Protein backbone atom coordinates (compact mmCIF):
# COMPACT_ATOMS: atom_id res chain seq x y z
CA MET A 1 0.00 0.00 0.00
CA ALA A 2 2.04 2.96 0.22
CA ILE A 3 5.12 4.71 1.10
CA HIS A 4 6.00 5.50 4.64
CA ARG A 5 2.90 3.57 4.66
CA ILE A 6 2.41 4.71 7.96
CA GLY A 7 5.19 5.88 9.95
CA ARG A 8 5.49 7.78 7.87
CA ALA A 9 5.87 5.00 8.81
CA ARG A 10 4.47 4.54 5.42
CA THR A 11 7.71 4.88 3.63
CA ARG A 12 7.37 1.65 1.96
CA ALA A 13 10.91 0.74 1.05
CA LEU A 14 11.19 0.05 -2.62
CA THR A 15 13.89 -1.28 -4.86
CA THR A 16 15.87 1.26 -6.83
CA ALA A 17 13.93 0.26 -9.90
CA ALA A 18 10.59 0.84 -8.21
CA LEU A 19 11.66 4.26 -7.03
CA ALA A 20 12.67 5.11 -10.56
CA VAL A 21 9.24 4.09 -11.79
CA ALA A 22 7.59 6.21 -9.10
CA SER A 23 9.65 9.21 -10.17
CA VAL A 24 8.70 8.76 -13.80
CA LEU A 25 5.03 8.46 -12.91
CA ALA A 26 5.05 11.52 -10.69
CA LEU A 27 6.97 13.68 -13.13
CA SER A 28 4.84 12.71 -16.10
CA ALA A 29 1.68 13.36 -14.11
CA CYS A 30 2.84 16.78 -12.97
CA ALA A 31 3.69 17.60 -16.55
CA GLY A 32 0.23 16.59 -17.65
CA GLY A 33 1.39 13.33 -19.21
CA SER A 34 -0.49 11.03 -16.81
CA THR A 35 -4.07 11.94 -17.63
CA PRO A 36 -6.77 9.78 -16.02
CA ALA A 37 -8.91 7.54 -18.15
CA PRO A 38 -11.86 9.33 -19.72
CA SER A 39 -14.85 9.66 -17.43
CA GLY A 40 -18.15 8.13 -18.45
CA GLY A 41 -20.77 10.57 -19.68
CA SER A 42 -20.58 14.15 -20.81
CA GLY A 43 -20.88 15.53 -17.27
CA ALA A 44 -21.78 18.98 -16.05
CA ALA A 45 -20.17 22.35 -16.64
CA ALA A 46 -16.62 22.44 -15.29
CA ASP A 47 -17.33 24.88 -12.48
CA HIS A 48 -14.37 23.66 -10.44
CA GLY A 49 -11.86 23.23 -13.24
CA GLU A 50 -9.01 20.77 -12.71
CA ILE A 51 -7.87 19.21 -9.44
CA SER A 52 -4.76 17.09 -8.85
CA VAL A 53 -4.73 14.17 -6.42
CA GLN A 54 -1.60 12.39 -5.23
CA TYR A 55 -2.15 8.67 -4.74
CA SER A 56 -0.24 6.98 -1.95
CA TRP A 57 0.61 3.89 -3.97
CA ILE A 58 0.49 2.51 -7.50
CA LYS A 59 -2.90 2.38 -9.22
CA ASN A 60 -4.26 -0.89 -7.89
CA GLU A 61 -7.25 -1.94 -5.78
CA GLU A 62 -6.39 0.68 -3.18
CA PHE A 63 -8.04 3.24 -5.46
CA ALA A 64 -11.02 1.28 -6.70
CA GLY A 65 -13.39 4.05 -5.56
CA GLU A 66 -11.49 6.62 -7.55
CA PHE A 67 -11.67 4.41 -10.63
CA TYR A 68 -15.45 4.15 -10.30
CA ALA A 69 -15.65 7.93 -9.91
CA TYR A 70 -13.89 8.26 -13.27
CA GLU A 71 -15.76 5.46 -14.95
CA ASN A 72 -19.26 6.49 -13.89
CA GLY A 73 -18.82 10.21 -14.39
CA TYR A 74 -19.05 11.30 -10.76
CA TYR A 75 -16.18 13.78 -11.11
CA ASP A 76 -17.90 15.23 -14.17
CA GLU A 77 -21.18 15.55 -12.29
CA ALA A 78 -19.36 17.31 -9.48
CA GLY A 79 -18.17 20.00 -11.90
CA PHE A 80 -14.55 19.05 -12.56
CA SER A 81 -13.08 19.42 -16.01
CA ASN A 82 -10.32 16.97 -15.04
CA VAL A 83 -9.17 15.07 -11.98
CA VAL A 84 -5.50 14.20 -12.39
CA GLY A 85 -4.72 11.12 -10.32
CA ILE A 86 -0.96 10.85 -9.80
CA SER A 87 0.50 7.42 -9.12
CA GLY A 88 2.59 6.91 -6.01
CA PRO A 89 4.29 5.74 -3.96
CA ASP A 90 4.23 9.11 -2.22
CA THR A 91 2.97 10.39 1.13
CA GLY A 92 1.97 13.61 -0.63
CA VAL A 93 3.28 15.79 2.21
CA ALA A 94 6.01 17.58 0.25
CA LYS A 95 3.78 18.05 -2.79
CA LEU A 96 0.94 19.49 -0.72
CA LEU A 97 3.27 21.96 0.97
CA SER A 98 4.83 23.01 -2.34
CA GLY A 99 1.46 23.39 -4.03
CA THR A 100 2.28 20.71 -6.60
CA VAL A 101 -0.93 18.83 -5.80
CA HIS A 102 -4.23 19.91 -4.28
CA VAL A 103 -5.21 16.75 -2.38
CA ALA A 104 -3.17 13.79 -1.15
CA LEU A 105 -4.38 10.33 -0.24
CA SER A 106 -2.01 9.90 2.66
CA ASP A 107 -2.27 8.63 6.25
CA ALA A 108 -2.46 9.96 9.78
CA ALA A 109 1.13 9.05 10.61
CA SER A 110 2.61 10.91 7.64
CA ILE A 111 0.47 13.99 8.16
CA GLY A 112 0.85 13.88 11.94
CA ALA A 113 4.63 13.55 11.71
CA ALA A 114 4.82 16.56 9.37
CA ILE A 115 2.71 18.64 11.74
CA ALA A 116 4.67 17.56 14.82
CA GLU A 117 8.14 17.85 13.32
CA GLN A 118 7.74 20.69 10.81
CA ASP A 119 4.68 22.56 12.07
CA ALA A 120 3.25 21.81 8.62
CA PRO A 121 -0.11 23.52 7.91
CA LEU A 122 -1.95 20.34 6.93
CA LYS A 123 -5.31 18.82 7.76
CA ILE A 124 -7.04 15.49 7.34
CA ILE A 125 -10.57 16.14 6.09
CA GLY A 126 -11.73 12.52 5.76
CA ALA A 127 -10.43 8.96 5.80
CA THR A 128 -11.10 6.03 3.51
CA PHE A 129 -9.55 3.51 5.92
CA GLN A 130 -11.05 3.63 9.40
CA LYS A 131 -8.42 1.09 10.42
CA ASN A 132 -4.78 1.17 9.39
CA PRO A 133 -3.57 -1.93 7.52
CA PHE A 134 -0.48 -2.72 9.65
CA THR A 135 -0.05 -6.19 11.08
CA ILE A 136 2.58 -8.42 12.61
CA LEU A 137 2.43 -11.37 10.26
CA SER A 138 3.52 -14.80 11.43
CA LEU A 139 3.19 -18.42 10.34
CA ALA A 140 0.61 -20.48 12.19
CA ASP A 141 3.12 -23.33 12.54
CA GLY A 142 5.92 -20.90 13.38
CA GLY A 143 5.81 -17.83 15.59
CA ASN A 144 1.97 -17.87 15.64
CA ILE A 145 1.80 -14.43 17.25
CA THR A 146 -1.82 -13.98 18.28
CA THR A 147 -1.46 -11.43 21.10
CA PRO A 148 0.95 -8.56 21.77
CA GLN A 149 2.51 -10.54 24.63
CA ASP A 150 3.45 -13.22 22.13
CA LEU A 151 6.00 -10.75 20.77
CA VAL A 152 8.15 -11.19 23.86
CA GLY A 153 11.21 -13.28 23.13
CA LYS A 154 10.54 -13.30 19.40
CA LYS A 155 12.56 -12.10 16.41
CA ILE A 156 10.47 -9.59 14.45
CA GLY A 157 11.37 -8.32 11.01
CA VAL A 158 10.81 -4.56 10.87
CA GLN A 159 11.57 -2.15 8.03
CA ASP A 160 13.59 0.93 9.03
CA SER A 161 10.82 3.25 7.89
CA ASN A 162 8.34 1.48 10.17
CA ALA A 163 10.47 1.41 13.32
CA SER A 164 8.53 4.22 15.01
CA VAL A 165 5.17 2.57 14.48
CA PHE A 166 6.48 -0.79 15.70
CA ALA A 167 7.74 1.01 18.79
CA ALA A 168 4.22 2.40 19.22
CA LEU A 169 2.81 -1.15 19.23
CA LEU A 170 5.22 -2.16 21.99
CA ASN A 171 4.57 1.04 23.94
CA ALA A 172 0.80 0.70 23.70
CA ASN A 173 0.95 -2.81 25.11
CA GLY A 174 3.52 -2.25 27.85
CA ILE A 175 6.22 -4.36 26.23
CA ASP A 176 9.87 -3.55 26.96
CA PRO A 177 11.70 -3.15 23.62
CA ALA A 178 14.60 -5.08 25.16
CA ASP A 179 12.35 -8.15 25.28
CA VAL A 180 11.95 -8.24 21.50
CA THR A 181 14.68 -8.78 18.92
CA VAL A 182 14.19 -6.48 15.93
CA VAL A 183 15.66 -7.79 12.69
CA PRO A 184 16.06 -5.21 9.88
CA VAL A 185 14.23 -6.33 6.74
CA GLU A 186 12.85 -4.92 3.51
CA PHE A 187 9.23 -5.42 2.41
CA ASP A 188 9.82 -8.83 0.84
CA PRO A 189 8.39 -11.39 3.32
CA THR A 190 10.84 -14.12 2.30
CA PRO A 191 12.67 -13.96 5.69
CA LEU A 192 9.40 -14.98 7.37
CA MET A 193 8.76 -17.84 4.96
CA ASN A 194 12.38 -19.01 5.38
CA GLY A 195 12.06 -19.00 9.17
CA ASP A 196 14.68 -16.29 9.68
CA VAL A 197 12.20 -14.27 11.76
CA ASP A 198 9.21 -15.25 13.91
CA GLY A 199 7.11 -12.27 12.86
CA PHE A 200 7.14 -9.72 10.06
CA MET A 201 5.74 -6.20 9.94
CA ALA A 202 3.36 -6.26 7.00
CA TYR A 203 0.14 -4.98 5.49
CA LEU A 204 -3.09 -6.91 5.79
CA THR A 205 -3.78 -5.92 2.19
CA ASN A 206 -0.41 -6.88 0.73
CA GLU A 207 2.37 -9.01 2.23
CA ALA A 208 -0.07 -11.00 4.35
CA LEU A 209 -1.88 -12.01 1.16
CA THR A 210 1.40 -12.75 -0.61
CA VAL A 211 2.41 -15.26 2.06
CA GLU A 212 -1.06 -16.79 2.25
CA LEU A 213 -1.24 -17.24 -1.52
CA ALA A 214 2.18 -18.90 -1.39
CA GLY A 215 0.49 -21.70 0.55
CA TYR A 216 1.27 -20.84 4.17
CA ASP A 217 -1.19 -20.78 7.06
CA ILE A 218 -0.79 -17.33 8.58
CA THR A 219 -1.60 -15.43 11.75
CA ASN A 220 -2.15 -11.67 11.85
CA LEU A 221 -1.73 -9.37 14.84
CA ALA A 222 -3.48 -6.28 13.48
CA TYR A 223 -2.26 -2.98 14.90
CA ALA A 224 -5.72 -1.41 14.76
CA ASP A 225 -7.10 -4.11 17.05
CA ASN A 226 -4.15 -4.15 19.43
CA GLY A 227 -3.65 -0.68 20.83
CA VAL A 228 -2.60 1.30 17.74
CA PRO A 229 -5.80 2.37 15.96
CA TYR A 230 -5.51 5.25 13.56
CA VAL A 231 -6.96 6.27 10.23
CA ALA A 232 -5.22 5.76 6.90
CA GLU A 233 -5.71 6.54 3.22
CA THR A 234 -6.68 10.00 4.38
CA PHE A 235 -7.90 12.91 2.25
CA SER A 236 -5.35 15.54 3.22
CA VAL A 237 -4.96 19.19 2.20
CA THR A 238 -3.21 22.35 3.30
CA ASP A 239 -4.94 24.71 5.70
CA GLN A 240 -4.99 27.42 3.03
CA TYR A 241 -6.50 25.20 0.35
CA LEU A 242 -9.17 24.07 2.79
CA ALA A 243 -10.04 27.64 3.77
CA GLU A 244 -10.25 28.82 0.17
CA ASN A 245 -11.94 25.83 -1.51
CA LYS A 246 -14.60 24.38 0.76
CA GLU A 247 -17.28 24.06 -1.92
CA LEU A 248 -14.82 22.50 -4.35
CA LEU A 249 -13.72 19.97 -1.73
CA LYS A 250 -17.32 19.23 -0.87
CA ALA A 251 -18.00 18.44 -4.52
CA PHE A 252 -14.85 16.33 -4.75
CA LEU A 253 -15.61 14.29 -1.63
CA THR A 254 -19.18 13.75 -2.78
CA ALA A 255 -17.87 12.22 -6.01
CA GLU A 256 -15.48 10.08 -3.97
CA ILE A 257 -18.30 8.84 -1.74
CA LYS A 258 -20.27 7.80 -4.83
CA GLY A 259 -17.24 6.00 -6.26
CA TRP A 260 -16.56 4.03 -3.10
CA THR A 261 -20.26 3.25 -2.74
CA ASP A 262 -19.99 1.54 -6.12
CA VAL A 263 -17.13 -0.58 -4.75
CA PHE A 264 -19.46 -1.95 -2.09
CA GLN A 265 -22.46 -2.30 -4.37
CA ASN A 266 -20.79 -3.96 -7.36
CA SER A 267 -19.47 -7.49 -7.51
CA THR A 268 -15.84 -8.12 -6.68
CA ASP A 269 -15.29 -9.56 -10.16
CA ASP A 270 -16.60 -6.38 -11.80
CA SER A 271 -14.39 -4.26 -9.58
CA VAL A 272 -11.31 -6.35 -10.32
CA GLU A 273 -11.98 -5.93 -14.05
CA LEU A 274 -12.15 -2.14 -13.61
CA ILE A 275 -9.04 -2.05 -11.41
CA THR A 276 -7.14 -4.06 -14.01
CA LYS A 277 -8.14 -1.56 -16.70
CA TYR A 278 -6.73 1.39 -14.77
CA TYR A 279 -3.63 -0.49 -13.65
CA ASN A 280 -2.87 -1.44 -17.24
CA GLN A 281 -3.35 2.13 -18.39
CA ALA A 282 -0.94 3.33 -15.70
CA ALA A 283 1.56 0.71 -16.88
CA GLU A 284 1.27 2.03 -20.43
CA ASP A 285 1.66 5.62 -19.26
CA SER A 286 4.89 4.68 -17.47
CA ALA A 287 6.44 3.22 -20.61
CA ASP A 288 6.03 -0.31 -19.22
CA GLY A 289 8.16 0.51 -16.18
CA LEU A 290 5.32 -0.12 -13.74
CA GLU A 291 4.67 -3.64 -14.96
CA ALA A 292 8.38 -4.35 -15.26
CA VAL A 293 8.77 -3.70 -11.53
CA PHE A 294 5.45 -4.87 -10.11
CA GLY A 295 4.39 -7.39 -12.73
CA ALA A 296 0.98 -7.91 -14.27
CA LEU A 297 -1.92 -7.50 -11.87
CA ASP A 298 -2.80 -10.81 -10.20
CA PRO A 299 -6.63 -11.09 -10.24
CA THR A 300 -6.69 -13.45 -7.25
CA LYS A 301 -4.55 -11.23 -5.06
CA THR A 302 -6.39 -8.14 -6.28
CA SER A 303 -9.70 -9.72 -5.32
CA LYS A 304 -8.42 -10.70 -1.87
CA GLY A 305 -6.85 -7.26 -1.42
CA LEU A 306 -10.12 -5.53 -2.23
CA GLU A 307 -12.04 -7.67 0.25
CA ALA A 308 -9.41 -7.00 2.93
CA GLU A 309 -9.68 -3.27 2.26
CA LYS A 310 -13.45 -3.33 2.70
CA LEU A 311 -12.92 -4.56 6.27
CA LEU A 312 -10.71 -1.54 6.93
CA ILE A 313 -13.13 0.89 5.29
CA SER A 314 -16.51 -0.26 6.56
CA THR A 315 -17.12 -0.27 10.32
CA PRO A 316 -20.20 0.16 12.51
CA GLU A 317 -19.36 3.86 12.67
CA THR A 318 -19.25 4.34 8.90
CA GLU A 319 -22.42 2.28 8.55
CA ALA A 320 -24.09 4.76 10.89
CA ASN A 321 -22.39 7.98 9.80
CA GLY A 322 -21.19 7.43 6.23
CA LEU A 323 -17.97 6.71 4.36
CA PHE A 324 -14.89 8.80 5.21
CA THR A 325 -16.37 10.09 8.50
CA ILE A 326 -14.08 10.01 11.55
CA SER A 327 -15.71 9.81 14.97
CA ASP A 328 -14.49 11.91 17.87
CA GLU A 329 -13.38 8.71 19.60
CA LEU A 330 -11.34 7.59 16.58
CA LYS A 331 -9.73 11.02 16.34
CA GLN A 332 -8.65 10.73 19.97
CA GLN A 333 -7.39 7.19 19.40
CA THR A 334 -5.45 8.33 16.36
CA VAL A 335 -3.60 11.13 18.15
CA ALA A 336 -2.90 8.77 21.05
CA SER A 337 -1.41 6.23 18.63
CA LEU A 338 0.77 8.90 17.06
CA LYS A 339 1.94 10.07 20.47
CA ALA A 340 3.02 6.50 21.28
CA ALA A 341 5.12 6.65 18.11
CA GLY A 342 6.71 9.95 19.17
CA TRP A 343 4.50 12.45 17.30
CA ASP A 344 2.62 14.73 19.67
CA VAL A 345 -0.29 16.47 17.93
CA SER A 346 -3.76 17.47 19.05
CA VAL A 347 -7.06 16.54 17.42
CA ASP A 348 -7.48 20.13 16.24
CA ASP A 349 -3.96 20.12 14.80
CA LEU A 350 -4.65 17.03 12.73
CA PHE A 351 -8.31 17.00 11.76
CA ASP A 352 -10.98 19.20 10.22
CA THR A 353 -13.92 17.04 9.15
CA THR A 354 -16.42 19.86 8.82
CA ILE A 355 -16.90 19.31 5.09
CA ILE A 356 -17.62 15.60 5.27
CA ASP A 357 -20.09 16.21 8.08
CA GLU A 358 -21.84 18.90 6.02
CA ILE A 359 -22.14 16.56 3.04
CA TYR A 360 -24.13 14.04 5.05
CA THR A 361 -26.19 16.72 6.76
CA GLU A 362 -27.25 17.99 3.34
CA ASN A 363 -27.71 14.54 1.76
CA ALA A 364 -28.31 11.79 4.29
CA ASP A 365 -28.99 9.26 1.50
CA LEU A 366 -25.27 9.20 0.71
CA LYS A 367 -24.72 7.37 4.00
CA ASN A 368 -26.27 4.25 2.51
CA TYR A 369 -23.26 2.71 0.80
CA LEU A 370 -23.93 -0.93 1.59
CA PRO A 371 -25.91 -3.04 -0.93
């Protein structure tokens, strides 16, 4: 899923080749060379003009809602002449602050770290993922780490970029770091499958599926369910852009809600077909570099990834309040999680969800995203 993918930690460590691909994608998009696929329908007058959106990761199932918004004309209906979706990996923080992009699909750790460390004028205005996707992955016939206390005495593979968030997991559960052996790893879970480590810091939507599809019985210790709950895949903007473009952002988020509603109301097979279309187009736009690094999209893993994402997106709170909403309790839990990782921010520093709340006040029917 993304870079720094949390900890921002989300700096998902990539190979040199992958980073080169990301650079090509970002540069071509900023230059206007990475135009989204044509939206369906003629749409409305372009009252809001063009908006640029930085994606946190490559164009895969993580952005299925955005693909539906293109395909079914929701951006057109909202009054946008063009929505330029820029492939990641990228936290979006630097581009937001430089004005290179208008909106970033980022995460609470990346945005919170920038606010805490740089006093960055950024806000989260909504969140696709109510639960972050981090997990300590283990083999059922190996480490079989089912509770935080099972970490004690174990060797855990942790990427350098995710060290702060792993420390937050230990801190939140009262575990002395000296009681756990941290083994530096990259994002390839081979050390876990080879038995070199007992547990591996992974994503529920990615490496956990990779190991499972390789034929292993796995155990997940999800961060969100074990003391480190915080939102991810966040809609993030600068304070100035928020102050000056509330109606535009309201229109944009409304289109996004409609797109993600389609994810829940369409079959997984139909969604995988659409995701594959946009992935393949992104591969073509990157002069085949994307597919050279990441390979052709695996329909089975894409399907499983999409279903795993739905569990992170849809919760009792979103069922009651609507997609992208963030409850007061979850805001408090998020800032507490960030503090455990060393980033001290307040709820008001990090969040402004006024727009998403207004959307549902004005159109309560949009809350009904489930089939």
